[in-house]
Protein backbone atom coordinates (compact mmCIF):
# COMPACT_ATOMS: atom_id res chain seq x y z
CA MET A 1 -16.22 27.39 -25.48
CA ALA A 2 -14.57 29.13 -28.43
CA GLN A 3 -14.62 27.38 -31.78
CA ILE A 4 -11.32 26.78 -33.59
CA PRO A 5 -11.67 27.36 -37.34
CA MET A 6 -9.95 24.84 -39.61
CA THR A 7 -10.34 23.31 -43.02
CA ARG A 8 -11.33 19.67 -43.55
CA ASN A 9 -7.69 18.87 -44.45
CA GLY A 10 -6.51 20.46 -41.21
CA LEU A 11 -8.96 18.40 -39.17
CA GLU A 12 -7.90 15.20 -40.94
CA ALA A 13 -4.22 15.98 -40.29
CA LEU A 14 -4.94 16.41 -36.56
CA LYS A 15 -6.90 13.14 -36.46
CA LYS A 16 -4.02 11.35 -38.22
CA GLU A 17 -1.48 12.74 -35.72
CA LEU A 18 -3.72 11.72 -32.82
CA GLN A 19 -4.03 8.19 -34.20
CA GLN A 20 -0.22 7.98 -34.57
CA LEU A 21 0.33 9.17 -31.01
CA LYS A 22 -2.21 6.76 -29.51
CA SER A 23 -1.51 3.65 -31.59
CA SER A 24 2.25 3.84 -32.03
CA ASP A 25 4.08 6.46 -29.96
CA ARG A 26 2.27 5.86 -26.66
CA PRO A 27 2.82 2.04 -26.64
CA LYS A 28 6.49 2.49 -27.59
CA ILE A 29 7.14 4.92 -24.75
CA ILE A 30 5.34 2.67 -22.24
CA GLU A 31 7.61 -0.17 -23.32
CA ALA A 32 10.71 2.06 -23.02
CA ILE A 33 9.70 3.05 -19.48
CA SER A 34 9.18 -0.59 -18.56
CA GLU A 35 12.63 -1.53 -19.90
CA ALA A 36 14.27 1.37 -18.06
CA ARG A 37 12.58 0.34 -14.78
CA ALA A 38 13.94 -3.18 -15.21
CA GLN A 39 17.49 -1.78 -15.13
CA GLY A 40 17.23 -1.06 -11.42
CA ASP A 41 17.94 2.20 -9.53
CA LEU A 42 15.65 4.84 -11.06
CA SER A 43 17.36 7.78 -9.33
CA GLU A 44 20.39 7.54 -11.61
CA ASN A 45 18.69 6.13 -14.70
CA ALA A 46 18.90 8.63 -17.57
CA GLU A 47 16.92 6.39 -19.92
CA TYR A 48 14.04 6.29 -17.45
CA GLU A 49 14.03 10.08 -16.99
CA SER A 50 14.16 10.62 -20.75
CA ALA A 51 11.32 8.18 -21.37
CA LYS A 52 9.16 9.76 -18.65
CA GLU A 53 9.79 13.20 -20.15
CA ARG A 54 8.83 11.92 -23.60
CA GLN A 55 5.71 10.30 -22.14
CA GLY A 56 4.70 13.65 -20.62
CA PHE A 57 5.11 15.33 -24.00
CA ILE A 58 3.04 12.66 -25.79
CA GLU A 59 0.23 12.74 -23.23
CA GLY A 60 0.18 16.54 -23.35
CA ARG A 61 0.02 16.56 -27.14
CA ILE A 62 -2.80 13.97 -27.12
CA ALA A 63 -4.82 16.17 -24.73
CA GLU A 64 -4.12 19.27 -26.83
CA ILE A 65 -5.20 17.60 -30.09
CA GLU A 66 -8.32 16.09 -28.52
CA ALA A 67 -9.32 19.55 -27.22
CA LYS A 68 -8.77 21.13 -30.65
CA ILE A 69 -10.79 18.43 -32.39
CA SER A 70 -13.65 18.85 -29.92
CA GLN A 71 -13.67 22.62 -30.56
CA ALA A 72 -13.14 22.41 -34.33
CA GLU A 73 -15.34 24.42 -36.63
CA VAL A 74 -14.72 22.89 -40.04
CA ILE A 75 -15.00 25.41 -42.85
CA ASP A 76 -15.18 24.19 -46.43
CA PRO A 77 -13.68 26.91 -48.66
CA SER A 78 -15.55 25.63 -51.74
CA SER A 79 -18.91 26.25 -50.07
CA ILE A 80 -18.12 29.84 -49.04
CA ASN A 81 -20.08 32.65 -50.68
CA ALA A 82 -18.19 35.74 -49.54
CA ASP A 83 -18.86 37.88 -52.62
CA GLY A 84 -15.18 37.98 -53.59
CA ARG A 85 -13.92 39.03 -50.16
CA CYS A 86 -10.95 37.48 -48.37
CA VAL A 87 -12.21 35.20 -45.61
CA PHE A 88 -11.01 32.12 -43.74
CA GLY A 89 -10.26 29.36 -46.26
CA ALA A 90 -9.92 31.71 -49.23
CA THR A 91 -6.99 31.43 -51.59
CA VAL A 92 -5.61 34.87 -52.34
CA GLU A 93 -3.19 36.00 -55.04
CA ILE A 94 -1.34 39.18 -54.13
CA GLU A 95 1.36 41.32 -55.72
CA ASP A 96 4.06 43.17 -53.83
CA LEU A 97 3.82 46.74 -55.10
CA ASP A 98 7.52 47.41 -54.45
CA ASP A 99 9.08 44.57 -56.46
CA GLU A 100 6.03 43.27 -58.40
CA VAL A 101 6.48 39.72 -57.06
CA LYS A 102 3.23 37.75 -57.06
CA SER A 103 2.37 35.24 -54.32
CA THR A 104 -0.60 33.00 -53.62
CA TYR A 105 -1.68 31.99 -50.12
CA GLN A 106 -4.56 30.15 -48.52
CA ILE A 107 -5.80 31.53 -45.20
CA VAL A 108 -6.07 28.61 -42.75
CA GLY A 109 -6.06 27.79 -39.02
CA ASP A 110 -2.99 28.00 -36.82
CA ASP A 111 -2.29 24.25 -36.88
CA GLU A 112 -2.51 24.08 -40.67
CA SER A 113 -0.26 27.00 -41.52
CA SER A 114 2.87 26.19 -43.50
CA ILE A 115 4.73 28.82 -45.46
CA LYS A 116 6.32 26.14 -47.66
CA ASP A 117 2.78 25.03 -48.65
CA ASN A 118 1.65 28.68 -49.09
CA LYS A 119 -0.79 28.40 -46.19
CA ILE A 120 -0.85 31.31 -43.75
CA SER A 121 -2.47 31.40 -40.32
CA ILE A 122 -5.66 33.42 -39.89
CA ASN A 123 -3.77 35.09 -37.02
CA SER A 124 -0.75 36.16 -39.09
CA PRO A 125 -0.29 39.88 -39.81
CA LEU A 126 -0.72 39.30 -43.55
CA ALA A 127 -3.96 37.34 -43.15
CA LYS A 128 -5.32 39.93 -40.73
CA ALA A 129 -4.60 42.64 -43.31
CA LEU A 130 -6.26 40.59 -46.07
CA ILE A 131 -9.50 39.67 -44.25
CA GLY A 132 -12.43 41.53 -45.77
CA LYS A 133 -10.51 42.84 -48.77
CA GLU A 134 -11.59 42.32 -52.42
CA GLU A 135 -9.79 42.05 -55.73
CA GLY A 136 -8.15 45.34 -56.67
CA GLU A 137 -7.80 46.62 -53.10
CA ILE A 138 -4.44 47.63 -51.66
CA ILE A 139 -3.36 46.35 -48.24
CA GLU A 140 -0.62 47.73 -46.04
CA PHE A 141 0.93 45.93 -43.11
CA GLU A 142 4.05 45.90 -40.99
CA THR A 143 6.70 43.23 -41.55
CA PRO A 144 10.04 42.74 -39.77
CA GLY A 145 11.59 44.39 -42.84
CA GLY A 146 9.29 47.42 -42.67
CA LEU A 147 5.97 48.53 -44.11
CA LYS A 148 4.79 46.53 -47.16
CA ASN A 149 2.06 47.27 -49.69
CA TYR A 150 0.28 44.57 -51.68
CA GLU A 151 -2.52 44.55 -54.22
CA VAL A 152 -5.14 41.81 -54.02
CA LEU A 153 -5.18 40.31 -57.53
CA LYS A 154 -7.53 37.37 -57.11
CA VAL A 155 -9.67 35.75 -54.42
CA SER A 156 -10.91 32.19 -54.87
CA TYR A 157 -12.57 29.58 -52.70
CA VAL A 158 -11.10 26.21 -53.62
């Protein structure tokens, strides 16, 4: 079974979502289904169909999260000794060589990625281009807007 890399924060976020689904969302949807059944004819009951659909989504998400947690490989960025190379969990400062705009990103698992929080998925094109690079190296990768060149300014493991 393949391991799913994630940071401790990513694992905790999944556990929190799982707890919410099991302790709050699941009981609410069971109650909604019960109320819809009490209204009579289920063949023409939109509330019942909607609640059953929502229940299917919740149960599917619970199974998905439980599988990810069971396969999680928690990586602590602060304990990484990668000799200054970009690896999973690293925080990387880069500079766009075309417009000299600097950006900082942390390379994380798919479930943790959030561009607004400057966290990019290990499977994103940018992260794939960064993996294995050191400070001072130039990376080149394809974006929807065309080919981009960046310089790796700093690699840290926070």
